[in-house]
N, C-alpha and C. Protein backbone atom coordinates (compact mmCIF):
# COMPACT_ATOMS: atom_id res chain seq x y z
N UNK A 1 -14.90 -18.33 -21.04
CA UNK A 1 -14.53 -17.81 -20.28
C UNK A 1 -13.89 -16.66 -20.93
N UNK A 2 -14.30 -15.30 -20.67
CA UNK A 2 -14.20 -14.20 -20.94
C UNK A 2 -12.67 -13.85 -20.51
N UNK A 3 -11.98 -13.39 -21.73
CA UNK A 3 -10.35 -12.98 -21.51
C UNK A 3 -10.18 -11.95 -20.44
N UNK A 4 -11.11 -11.32 -20.25
CA UNK A 4 -10.84 -10.08 -18.77
C UNK A 4 -11.05 -10.82 -17.72
N UNK A 5 -11.65 -11.81 -17.75
CA UNK A 5 -12.17 -12.46 -16.77
C UNK A 5 -10.91 -13.39 -15.82
N UNK A 6 -9.90 -13.91 -17.09
CA UNK A 6 -8.49 -14.64 -16.77
C UNK A 6 -7.63 -13.35 -16.76
N UNK A 7 -7.47 -13.04 -17.28
CA UNK A 7 -6.34 -11.73 -16.48
C UNK A 7 -6.48 -11.24 -15.01
N UNK A 8 -8.15 -10.86 -14.91
CA UNK A 8 -8.56 -10.76 -13.23
C UNK A 8 -7.82 -11.39 -12.10
N UNK A 9 -8.36 -13.01 -12.61
CA UNK A 9 -7.68 -14.21 -11.90
C UNK A 9 -6.45 -14.29 -11.69
N UNK A 10 -5.94 -14.26 -12.52
CA UNK A 10 -4.71 -13.94 -12.81
C UNK A 10 -3.65 -12.96 -12.11
N UNK A 11 -4.36 -11.82 -12.16
CA UNK A 11 -3.74 -10.87 -11.49
C UNK A 11 -4.29 -10.69 -9.79
N UNK A 12 -5.19 -11.30 -9.71
CA UNK A 12 -5.49 -11.55 -8.10
C UNK A 12 -4.35 -12.48 -7.54
N UNK A 13 -4.01 -13.66 -8.06
CA UNK A 13 -3.18 -14.85 -7.23
C UNK A 13 -1.38 -14.11 -7.66
N UNK A 14 -1.61 -13.27 -8.49
CA UNK A 14 -0.17 -12.65 -8.31
C UNK A 14 -0.21 -11.81 -6.99
N UNK A 15 -1.43 -10.90 -7.06
CA UNK A 15 -1.07 -10.19 -6.07
C UNK A 15 -0.83 -10.48 -4.48
N UNK A 16 -1.67 -11.67 -4.15
CA UNK A 16 -1.90 -12.37 -3.16
C UNK A 16 -0.23 -13.49 -2.99
N UNK A 17 0.23 -13.86 -3.87
CA UNK A 17 1.64 -14.13 -3.96
C UNK A 17 2.77 -13.50 -3.79
N UNK A 18 2.67 -11.96 -4.82
CA UNK A 18 3.70 -10.97 -4.10
C UNK A 18 3.24 -10.88 -2.65
N UNK A 19 2.73 -10.51 -1.76
CA UNK A 19 1.93 -10.19 -0.39
C UNK A 19 2.59 -11.47 0.46
N UNK A 20 2.68 -13.19 0.04
CA UNK A 20 2.74 -13.85 0.63
C UNK A 20 4.35 -13.78 0.86
N UNK A 21 4.65 -13.73 -0.39
CA UNK A 21 6.74 -13.68 -0.62
C UNK A 21 6.82 -12.52 0.92
N UNK A 22 6.36 -10.85 0.57
CA UNK A 22 6.56 -10.06 1.22
C UNK A 22 6.67 -10.35 2.89
N UNK A 23 5.36 -11.05 3.08
CA UNK A 23 5.71 -11.34 4.55
C UNK A 23 6.34 -12.45 5.25
N UNK A 24 6.73 -13.26 4.14
CA UNK A 24 7.68 -14.56 4.35
C UNK A 24 9.11 -13.63 4.71
N UNK A 25 9.10 -12.55 3.73
CA UNK A 25 10.85 -12.01 3.54
C UNK A 25 10.87 -11.44 5.53
N UNK A 26 9.46 -10.11 5.51
CA UNK A 26 9.77 -9.69 6.61
C UNK A 26 10.06 -10.61 7.88
N UNK A 27 9.40 -11.50 7.86
CA UNK A 27 9.24 -12.31 9.33
C UNK A 27 10.88 -13.28 9.10
N UNK A 28 11.90 -13.66 7.70
CA UNK A 28 13.40 -13.77 7.86
C UNK A 28 14.17 -13.02 8.44
N UNK A 29 13.64 -11.67 8.17
CA UNK A 29 14.45 -10.39 8.59
C UNK A 29 14.11 -9.84 9.60
N UNK A 30 12.79 -10.18 10.30
CA UNK A 30 12.18 -9.91 11.39
C UNK A 30 12.74 -10.42 12.91
N UNK A 31 12.13 -11.92 12.63
CA UNK A 31 12.40 -13.05 13.51
C UNK A 31 13.56 -12.92 14.59
N UNK A 32 15.10 -12.75 13.20
CA UNK A 32 16.20 -13.13 14.25
C UNK A 32 16.59 -11.52 14.47
N UNK A 33 15.77 -10.57 14.58
CA UNK A 33 16.08 -9.40 14.68
C UNK A 33 15.68 -9.73 16.28
N UNK A 34 14.47 -10.15 16.52
CA UNK A 34 13.51 -10.14 18.03
C UNK A 34 14.14 -10.98 18.44
N UNK A 35 14.48 -12.57 18.10
CA UNK A 35 15.50 -13.34 18.96
C UNK A 35 17.20 -13.01 19.51
N UNK A 36 17.48 -12.72 18.89
CA UNK A 36 19.04 -12.19 18.67
C UNK A 36 19.49 -10.53 19.08
N UNK A 37 19.21 -9.67 18.48
CA UNK A 37 19.57 -8.75 18.62
C UNK A 37 18.13 -7.36 19.77
N UNK A 38 16.92 -6.85 19.23
CA UNK A 38 16.39 -6.48 20.41
C UNK A 38 14.77 -7.19 21.16
N UNK A 39 14.15 -6.75 22.14
CA UNK A 39 12.81 -7.87 21.93
C UNK A 39 12.12 -6.56 22.90
N UNK A 40 10.82 -7.03 22.52
CA UNK A 40 10.01 -5.60 22.98
C UNK A 40 9.76 -6.08 24.62
N UNK A 41 9.72 -5.43 25.65
CA UNK A 41 9.27 -6.40 27.18
C UNK A 41 8.37 -4.93 27.63
N UNK A 42 7.28 -5.32 28.54
CA UNK A 42 6.12 -3.87 29.13
C UNK A 42 6.69 -4.19 30.70
N UNK A 43 6.72 -3.87 30.90
CA UNK A 43 6.92 -3.96 33.09
C UNK A 43 6.07 -4.11 33.79
N UNK A 44 5.94 -4.87 34.39
CA UNK A 44 4.60 -4.88 34.97
C UNK A 44 5.00 -4.94 36.45
N UNK A 45 4.16 -4.29 37.43
CA UNK A 45 4.19 -4.66 38.45
C UNK A 45 5.26 -3.22 39.29
N UNK A 46 5.67 -3.42 40.62
CA UNK A 46 6.11 -2.38 41.47
C UNK A 46 7.87 -2.19 41.84
N UNK A 47 8.59 -3.62 41.62
CA UNK A 47 9.71 -3.78 41.90
C UNK A 47 10.84 -3.01 41.95
N UNK A 48 10.65 -1.86 40.28
CA UNK A 48 11.98 -0.74 40.17
C UNK A 48 11.32 0.09 40.42
N UNK A 49 10.32 0.35 41.21
CA UNK A 49 9.99 1.66 40.79
C UNK A 49 10.99 2.33 41.66
N UNK A 50 11.25 4.21 41.71
CA UNK A 50 10.94 5.06 40.74
C UNK A 50 11.14 4.43 39.57
N UNK A 51 12.57 4.08 39.37
CA UNK A 51 13.31 3.57 37.98
C UNK A 51 12.50 3.51 37.09
N UNK A 52 11.55 1.90 36.92
CA UNK A 52 10.79 1.78 36.14
C UNK A 52 9.20 1.46 36.71
N UNK A 53 8.20 2.24 35.57
CA UNK A 53 6.99 1.75 36.60
C UNK A 53 5.64 1.27 35.29
N UNK A 54 4.97 0.27 36.22
CA UNK A 54 4.61 -0.84 35.48
C UNK A 54 3.52 -0.08 33.99
N UNK A 55 3.83 -0.96 33.55
CA UNK A 55 3.01 -0.27 32.11
C UNK A 55 4.00 0.39 31.08
N UNK A 56 5.22 0.74 31.50
CA UNK A 56 5.78 1.01 30.61
C UNK A 56 6.62 0.17 29.94
N UNK A 57 6.63 0.62 28.15
CA UNK A 57 7.16 -0.28 26.95
C UNK A 57 8.51 0.12 26.99
N UNK A 58 9.89 -1.21 27.05
CA UNK A 58 11.01 -1.39 27.05
C UNK A 58 11.42 -2.05 26.11
N UNK A 59 12.65 -1.44 25.16
CA UNK A 59 13.21 -2.19 24.05
C UNK A 59 14.59 -3.25 24.53
N UNK A 60 14.24 -4.08 24.58
CA UNK A 60 15.75 -4.99 25.32
C UNK A 60 16.65 -5.47 24.14
N UNK A 61 17.81 -4.67 24.84
CA UNK A 61 19.43 -4.98 23.85
C UNK A 61 19.90 -6.85 24.19
N UNK A 62 19.96 -7.60 22.99
CA UNK A 62 20.15 -8.68 23.40
C UNK A 62 21.15 -9.33 22.67
N UNK A 63 21.92 -8.21 22.73
CA UNK A 63 23.31 -8.36 22.20
C UNK A 63 24.36 -8.24 22.84
N UNK A 64 24.06 -7.15 23.49
CA UNK A 64 25.97 -6.77 24.27
C UNK A 64 26.10 -8.04 24.91
N UNK A 65 25.44 -8.98 25.56
CA UNK A 65 25.84 -9.68 26.67
C UNK A 65 26.11 -10.93 26.24
N UNK A 66 26.08 -10.75 24.70
CA UNK A 66 26.26 -12.27 23.99
C UNK A 66 28.05 -11.70 23.18
N UNK A 67 28.16 -10.20 23.62
CA UNK A 67 29.72 -9.92 23.42
C UNK A 67 30.39 -9.50 24.10
N UNK A 68 29.64 -9.46 25.30
CA UNK A 68 30.35 -9.05 27.21
C UNK A 68 29.54 -8.96 27.90
N UNK A 69 30.17 -9.04 29.22
CA UNK A 69 29.97 -9.45 30.67
C UNK A 69 28.52 -7.85 30.86
N UNK A 70 27.68 -8.68 32.34
CA UNK A 70 26.81 -7.88 32.69
C UNK A 70 27.66 -7.34 33.63
N UNK A 71 27.55 -5.84 34.16
CA UNK A 71 27.96 -5.16 35.30
C UNK A 71 27.20 -4.85 36.17
N UNK A 72 27.29 -4.66 37.05
CA UNK A 72 27.59 -3.73 38.54
C UNK A 72 26.39 -2.66 38.16
N UNK A 73 25.28 -2.80 38.69
CA UNK A 73 24.18 -1.88 38.69
C UNK A 73 23.54 -1.72 37.60
N UNK A 74 23.70 -2.61 36.53
CA UNK A 74 23.12 -3.00 35.39
C UNK A 74 21.63 -3.02 35.49
N UNK A 75 20.78 -2.55 34.81
CA UNK A 75 19.38 -3.35 35.03
C UNK A 75 19.89 -4.05 33.71
N UNK A 76 18.49 -5.60 33.53
CA UNK A 76 18.46 -6.60 32.99
C UNK A 76 17.16 -7.16 33.10
N UNK A 77 16.94 -7.53 31.89
CA UNK A 77 15.78 -8.70 32.01
C UNK A 77 16.08 -9.60 31.88
N UNK A 78 16.05 -10.90 32.63
CA UNK A 78 16.44 -12.14 32.42
C UNK A 78 15.03 -13.35 32.46
N UNK A 79 15.40 -14.46 32.66
CA UNK A 79 14.28 -15.42 32.84
C UNK A 79 14.24 -16.08 34.20
N UNK A 80 12.84 -15.71 34.74
CA UNK A 80 12.85 -16.04 36.35
C UNK A 80 13.41 -17.72 36.62
N UNK A 81 14.13 -17.69 37.34
CA UNK A 81 14.53 -19.05 37.46
C UNK A 81 13.51 -19.87 38.11
N UNK A 82 12.87 -19.79 38.83
CA UNK A 82 12.09 -20.84 39.43
C UNK A 82 10.84 -20.87 38.05
N UNK A 83 10.99 -20.39 36.95
CA UNK A 83 9.77 -20.64 36.23
C UNK A 83 10.10 -19.86 34.54
N UNK A 84 11.06 -20.08 34.09
CA UNK A 84 11.92 -19.91 32.70
C UNK A 84 10.81 -19.09 31.87
N UNK A 85 9.58 -18.86 31.97
CA UNK A 85 8.74 -18.70 30.83
C UNK A 85 7.85 -17.41 31.46
N UNK A 86 8.82 -16.87 32.75
CA UNK A 86 8.30 -15.21 33.03
C UNK A 86 9.92 -14.78 33.23
N UNK A 87 9.61 -13.10 32.64
CA UNK A 87 10.49 -12.37 32.17
C UNK A 87 10.81 -11.67 33.18
N UNK A 88 11.47 -11.24 34.54
CA UNK A 88 11.59 -10.11 35.33
C UNK A 88 12.71 -9.10 35.02
N UNK A 89 12.64 -7.90 35.51
CA UNK A 89 14.02 -6.39 35.65
C UNK A 89 14.41 -6.45 36.58
N UNK A 90 15.42 -6.40 37.29
CA UNK A 90 16.31 -6.01 37.93
C UNK A 90 17.53 -5.56 37.58
N UNK A 91 18.16 -5.10 39.11
CA UNK A 91 19.20 -4.86 38.96
C UNK A 91 20.27 -5.63 39.47
N UNK A 92 21.29 -5.51 39.18
CA UNK A 92 23.01 -6.18 39.43
C UNK A 92 23.80 -5.83 40.41
N UNK A 93 23.40 -6.66 41.41
CA UNK A 93 24.19 -5.69 42.81
C UNK A 93 25.70 -6.59 42.52
N UNK A 94 25.06 -8.06 43.02
CA UNK A 94 26.98 -8.65 43.28
C UNK A 94 26.58 -9.97 41.56
N UNK A 95 28.15 -9.66 41.60
CA UNK A 95 28.63 -10.30 40.30
C UNK A 95 29.55 -11.90 40.47
N UNK A 96 29.74 -12.41 39.82
CA UNK A 96 30.44 -13.81 39.91
C UNK A 96 31.57 -13.45 40.75
N UNK A 97 31.54 -14.54 42.24
CA UNK A 97 32.88 -15.02 43.34
C UNK A 97 32.86 -13.64 44.04
N UNK A 98 31.81 -12.36 43.78
CA UNK A 98 31.09 -12.02 44.95
C UNK A 98 31.07 -12.48 46.26
N UNK A 99 31.31 -11.34 47.33
CA UNK A 99 30.79 -11.64 48.65
C UNK A 99 30.09 -10.73 48.96
N UNK A 100 28.74 -11.06 49.45
CA UNK A 100 27.22 -9.85 49.30
C UNK A 100 27.10 -9.67 50.67
N UNK A 101 27.67 -8.76 52.06
CA UNK A 101 26.94 -8.83 53.38
C UNK A 101 26.13 -7.77 53.16
N UNK A 102 25.11 -7.76 53.90
CA UNK A 102 24.03 -6.98 53.88
C UNK A 102 23.74 -6.69 55.38
N UNK A 103 23.82 -5.39 55.85
CA UNK A 103 23.69 -4.91 57.11
C UNK A 103 22.42 -4.21 57.67
N UNK A 104 21.35 -4.25 57.97
CA UNK A 104 20.79 -3.38 58.03
C UNK A 104 20.16 -2.64 56.18
N UNK A 105 20.40 -3.12 55.42
CA UNK A 105 19.76 -3.23 54.07
C UNK A 105 21.12 -2.32 53.80
N UNK A 106 22.21 -2.18 54.32
CA UNK A 106 23.79 -1.61 53.57
C UNK A 106 24.44 -2.65 53.16
N UNK A 107 24.66 -2.68 51.63
CA UNK A 107 25.39 -3.26 50.83
C UNK A 107 26.98 -3.71 50.97
N UNK A 108 27.57 -4.30 51.44
CA UNK A 108 29.59 -4.36 51.64
C UNK A 108 29.61 -5.63 50.52
N UNK A 109 30.78 -5.01 49.61
CA UNK A 109 30.88 -5.88 48.28
C UNK A 109 32.30 -6.68 48.46
N UNK A 110 33.00 -7.73 48.82
CA UNK A 110 34.07 -8.36 49.18
C UNK A 110 34.42 -8.90 47.48
N UNK A 111 35.81 -8.82 47.36
CA UNK A 111 35.70 -9.63 46.12
C UNK A 111 37.23 -9.50 45.68
N UNK A 112 37.81 -10.20 44.80
CA UNK A 112 40.04 -10.31 44.99
C UNK A 112 40.25 -8.88 44.26
N UNK A 113 39.27 -8.19 43.76
CA UNK A 113 39.65 -6.34 43.47
C UNK A 113 39.89 -5.77 44.65
N UNK A 114 38.90 -5.96 45.45
CA UNK A 114 38.24 -5.03 46.94
C UNK A 114 38.26 -6.06 47.94
N UNK A 115 39.54 -6.55 48.33
CA UNK A 115 39.46 -7.86 49.65
C UNK A 115 39.35 -7.05 51.07
N UNK A 116 39.11 -5.94 50.92
CA UNK A 116 38.73 -5.16 52.46
C UNK A 116 37.45 -4.57 52.44
N UNK A 117 36.37 -4.78 50.65
CA UNK A 117 35.45 -4.69 50.78
C UNK A 117 34.96 -3.27 50.56
N UNK A 118 33.46 -2.83 49.68
CA UNK A 118 33.09 -1.50 49.55
C UNK A 118 31.87 -2.15 49.81
N UNK A 119 31.23 0.12 50.29
CA UNK A 119 29.65 -0.41 50.69
C UNK A 119 29.07 0.11 49.18
N UNK A 120 28.32 -0.17 48.25
CA UNK A 120 27.64 -0.20 47.34
C UNK A 120 26.43 1.11 47.18
N UNK A 121 26.70 1.77 46.47
CA UNK A 121 26.34 3.46 46.29
C UNK A 121 25.22 2.85 46.11
N UNK A 122 23.95 3.28 46.43
CA UNK A 122 22.45 3.18 45.99
C UNK A 122 21.73 4.17 46.06
N UNK A 123 22.30 5.50 45.81
CA UNK A 123 21.81 6.67 45.69
C UNK A 123 20.37 6.48 44.96
N UNK A 124 20.17 5.48 44.19
CA UNK A 124 19.16 5.22 42.98
C UNK A 124 18.22 4.75 43.84
N UNK A 125 17.53 4.23 45.03
CA UNK A 125 16.66 3.78 45.50
C UNK A 125 16.11 5.47 46.65
N UNK A 126 14.65 5.25 46.33
CA UNK A 126 14.17 6.57 47.02
C UNK A 126 14.11 5.89 48.62
N UNK A 127 13.39 6.75 49.26
CA UNK A 127 13.42 6.63 50.46
C UNK A 127 12.81 5.91 51.36
N UNK A 128 11.65 5.69 50.51
CA UNK A 128 10.49 4.50 51.03
C UNK A 128 10.75 3.30 50.29
N UNK A 129 11.91 2.90 49.59
CA UNK A 129 11.93 1.51 48.68
C UNK A 129 13.40 1.01 49.47
N UNK A 130 13.18 1.68 50.56
CA UNK A 130 14.74 0.57 51.39
C UNK A 130 14.41 -0.06 52.38
N UNK A 131 14.63 -1.36 51.81
CA UNK A 131 14.64 -2.68 52.86
C UNK A 131 15.87 -2.66 53.71
N UNK A 132 15.34 -3.03 54.87
CA UNK A 132 16.82 -3.29 56.29
C UNK A 132 17.12 -4.59 55.94
N UNK A 133 17.28 -5.83 55.47
CA UNK A 133 17.80 -6.94 55.39
C UNK A 133 19.05 -7.19 56.02
N UNK A 134 19.13 -8.03 56.87
CA UNK A 134 20.77 -8.16 57.24
C UNK A 134 20.74 -9.69 56.83
N UNK A 135 21.76 -10.45 55.76
CA UNK A 135 22.23 -11.69 55.74
C UNK A 135 23.82 -11.09 54.78
N UNK A 136 24.50 -12.85 54.56
CA UNK A 136 25.59 -12.45 53.84
C UNK A 136 26.12 -13.78 52.51
N UNK A 137 26.26 -13.42 51.51
CA UNK A 137 26.27 -14.82 50.42
C UNK A 137 27.58 -14.52 49.80
N UNK A 138 27.85 -15.75 49.10
CA UNK A 138 29.51 -15.92 48.48
C UNK A 138 28.70 -16.17 47.13
N UNK A 139 28.98 -15.56 45.98
CA UNK A 139 28.47 -15.86 44.78
C UNK A 139 29.59 -16.99 43.83
N UNK A 140 29.07 -17.64 43.55
CA UNK A 140 29.64 -18.95 42.51
C UNK A 140 30.37 -18.05 41.10
N UNK A 141 30.99 -18.72 40.52
CA UNK A 141 31.12 -18.66 39.28
C UNK A 141 30.49 -17.62 38.03
N UNK A 142 29.59 -18.35 37.75
CA UNK A 142 28.22 -17.86 37.19
C UNK A 142 27.33 -17.73 37.85
N UNK A 143 27.30 -17.00 38.95
CA UNK A 143 25.72 -16.77 39.16
C UNK A 143 26.24 -14.87 39.64
N UNK A 144 24.94 -13.82 39.67
CA UNK A 144 24.67 -13.06 40.06
C UNK A 144 23.66 -12.63 41.14
N UNK A 145 23.55 -11.38 41.60
CA UNK A 145 22.73 -11.55 42.72
C UNK A 145 21.87 -9.99 42.30
N UNK A 146 20.30 -10.35 42.26
CA UNK A 146 19.59 -9.15 41.78
C UNK A 146 19.25 -8.71 42.83
N UNK A 147 18.86 -7.41 42.33
CA UNK A 147 17.93 -7.07 43.36
C UNK A 147 16.59 -5.78 42.81
N UNK A 148 15.36 -5.44 43.26
CA UNK A 148 14.71 -4.72 42.58
C UNK A 148 15.22 -3.10 43.17
N UNK A 149 14.93 -2.05 42.58
CA UNK A 149 15.22 -0.86 42.66
C UNK A 149 13.94 -0.37 44.25
N UNK A 150 12.82 -0.61 44.42
CA UNK A 150 11.70 -1.27 45.61
C UNK A 150 11.84 -2.32 46.01
N UNK A 151 12.74 -2.25 47.09
CA UNK A 151 13.39 -3.33 47.71
C UNK A 151 12.36 -3.80 48.46
N UNK A 152 11.62 -3.10 49.36
CA UNK A 152 10.37 -3.42 49.83
C UNK A 152 8.83 -4.18 48.89
N UNK A 153 8.86 -3.94 47.73
CA UNK A 153 8.08 -4.87 47.01
C UNK A 153 8.88 -5.98 46.04
N UNK A 154 10.15 -6.15 46.38
CA UNK A 154 10.06 -6.11 45.10
C UNK A 154 10.91 -8.18 45.44
N UNK A 155 10.31 -9.57 44.93
CA UNK A 155 11.05 -10.27 44.89
C UNK A 155 12.24 -11.04 43.48
N UNK A 156 13.12 -10.65 44.32
CA UNK A 156 14.57 -10.86 44.01
C UNK A 156 15.49 -11.99 44.29
N UNK A 157 16.20 -11.73 44.23
CA UNK A 157 17.69 -12.41 44.32
C UNK A 157 17.67 -12.85 46.28
N UNK A 158 17.31 -11.48 46.82
CA UNK A 158 17.01 -12.08 48.42
C UNK A 158 15.89 -13.21 48.84
N UNK A 159 15.27 -13.60 47.93
CA UNK A 159 13.63 -14.57 48.12
C UNK A 159 13.97 -15.98 47.07
N UNK A 160 14.44 -15.59 46.15
CA UNK A 160 14.66 -17.08 45.14
C UNK A 160 15.93 -17.23 44.75
N UNK A 161 16.96 -16.72 45.09
CA UNK A 161 17.97 -17.01 45.19
C UNK A 161 18.94 -16.51 44.23
N UNK A 162 20.12 -16.65 44.07
CA UNK A 162 20.83 -16.26 42.61
C UNK A 162 20.74 -16.43 41.38
N UNK A 163 20.91 -15.46 40.81
CA UNK A 163 20.78 -15.98 39.08
C UNK A 163 21.70 -16.48 38.30
N UNK A 164 21.29 -17.64 37.55
CA UNK A 164 22.86 -17.59 36.75
C UNK A 164 22.75 -17.01 35.31
N UNK A 165 23.75 -17.31 35.02
CA UNK A 165 24.49 -16.41 33.85
C UNK A 165 23.12 -16.91 32.28
N UNK A 166 23.06 -17.83 32.42
CA UNK A 166 22.27 -18.30 31.17
C UNK A 166 21.00 -17.50 31.12
N UNK A 167 20.57 -17.32 32.56
CA UNK A 167 18.93 -16.53 32.43
C UNK A 167 19.08 -15.52 31.83
N UNK A 168 20.51 -14.00 31.90
CA UNK A 168 19.87 -13.03 31.74
C UNK A 168 19.39 -13.10 29.87
N UNK A 169 18.41 -12.57 29.72
CA UNK A 169 18.51 -12.29 28.54
C UNK A 169 18.76 -11.06 27.88
N UNK A 170 19.18 -9.86 28.49
CA UNK A 170 19.35 -8.39 27.57
C UNK A 170 19.35 -7.35 28.84
N UNK A 171 19.54 -6.09 28.29
CA UNK A 171 19.42 -5.32 29.34
C UNK A 171 18.65 -4.20 28.43
N UNK A 172 17.60 -3.13 29.08
CA UNK A 172 16.66 -1.65 28.22
C UNK A 172 17.75 -1.06 27.52
N UNK A 173 17.47 -1.20 26.37
CA UNK A 173 18.23 0.31 25.51
C UNK A 173 17.49 1.12 25.35
N UNK A 174 16.30 1.42 25.47
CA UNK A 174 15.27 1.80 25.36
C UNK A 174 13.88 2.15 25.85
N UNK A 175 13.42 3.17 26.22
CA UNK A 175 12.32 3.21 27.14
C UNK A 175 11.63 4.00 25.91
N UNK A 176 10.24 3.58 25.32
CA UNK A 176 9.29 3.88 24.14
C UNK A 176 8.32 4.91 25.19
N UNK A 177 7.49 4.29 25.70
CA UNK A 177 6.52 4.43 26.36
C UNK A 177 6.23 4.86 28.02
N UNK A 178 5.80 5.47 28.48
CA UNK A 178 4.77 6.48 27.97
C UNK A 178 5.95 7.21 27.34
N UNK A 179 5.38 8.17 26.35
CA UNK A 179 6.01 9.12 25.67
C UNK A 179 6.84 10.06 26.13
N UNK A 180 6.67 10.42 27.54
CA UNK A 180 6.98 11.39 28.13
C UNK A 180 8.43 11.15 29.16
N UNK A 181 8.32 9.58 28.97
CA UNK A 181 9.83 9.03 29.61
C UNK A 181 10.39 8.61 28.49
N UNK A 182 10.82 9.16 27.27
CA UNK A 182 11.51 8.17 26.15
C UNK A 182 13.00 8.45 26.79
N UNK A 183 13.91 7.29 26.58
CA UNK A 183 14.74 7.66 26.95
C UNK A 183 15.69 6.44 26.21
N UNK A 184 17.02 6.68 26.51
CA UNK A 184 18.24 5.31 25.88
C UNK A 184 18.99 5.03 27.47
N UNK A 185 19.23 3.93 27.32
CA UNK A 185 19.80 3.38 28.24
C UNK A 185 18.92 3.38 29.49
N UNK A 186 18.23 3.46 29.84
CA UNK A 186 16.93 3.66 31.02
C UNK A 186 17.86 3.35 31.99
N UNK A 187 17.33 3.80 33.14
CA UNK A 187 18.11 2.91 34.72
C UNK A 187 19.46 2.51 34.55
N UNK A 188 20.00 3.53 33.76
CA UNK A 188 21.43 3.49 33.60
C UNK A 188 22.29 4.00 34.84
N UNK A 189 22.94 3.43 35.42
CA UNK A 189 23.72 4.11 36.88
C UNK A 189 25.15 4.04 36.62
N UNK A 190 25.85 5.09 36.82
CA UNK A 190 27.79 5.10 36.96
C UNK A 190 27.61 4.87 38.43
N UNK A 191 28.60 3.89 38.74
CA UNK A 191 29.35 3.92 39.97
C UNK A 191 30.73 3.35 39.87
N UNK A 192 31.88 3.97 41.13
CA UNK A 192 33.00 3.47 40.77
C UNK A 192 33.55 2.20 40.46
N UNK A 193 32.34 1.12 41.69
CA UNK A 193 32.70 0.18 41.50
C UNK A 193 31.61 -0.97 40.60
């Protein structure tokens, strides 16, 4: 055996071993981040128009709701209650223990802090995306009521019921694509309630 051939084989083995170690270390670092801190998500469908369009690439913050609670008007990503392998994106309308009364699309929230109720400001809705539903529902202690911003084309709590807290994954903290729409905390909407 040629001594140079031995060195070359040893060198190839050394390079392969270093690459393997690097990949393993990268996975050890990346996987916990992916499952506990941030997760990529691509919007599919028109249920959140005009806030989010189909094909937009989002990074979802998985950490905030591990240390805090979801708030009204937060846009969230969650596991679809009827098939947890599918992820949905919607806006929180009702919080645990709320009574939600909808008359011709106008939402009134009644709860312990607002025993007389208040009308939910929905100025984020485009005029063609307003539905004229009428119903009343009382949420249990771990239930949320979510709706898409395009009410006429959204499969949401009006269709499949309330959302349990344990199905909430997180909220979008970064919109990356398309580049013209890059933003932090996309969909964030502030309201007094």
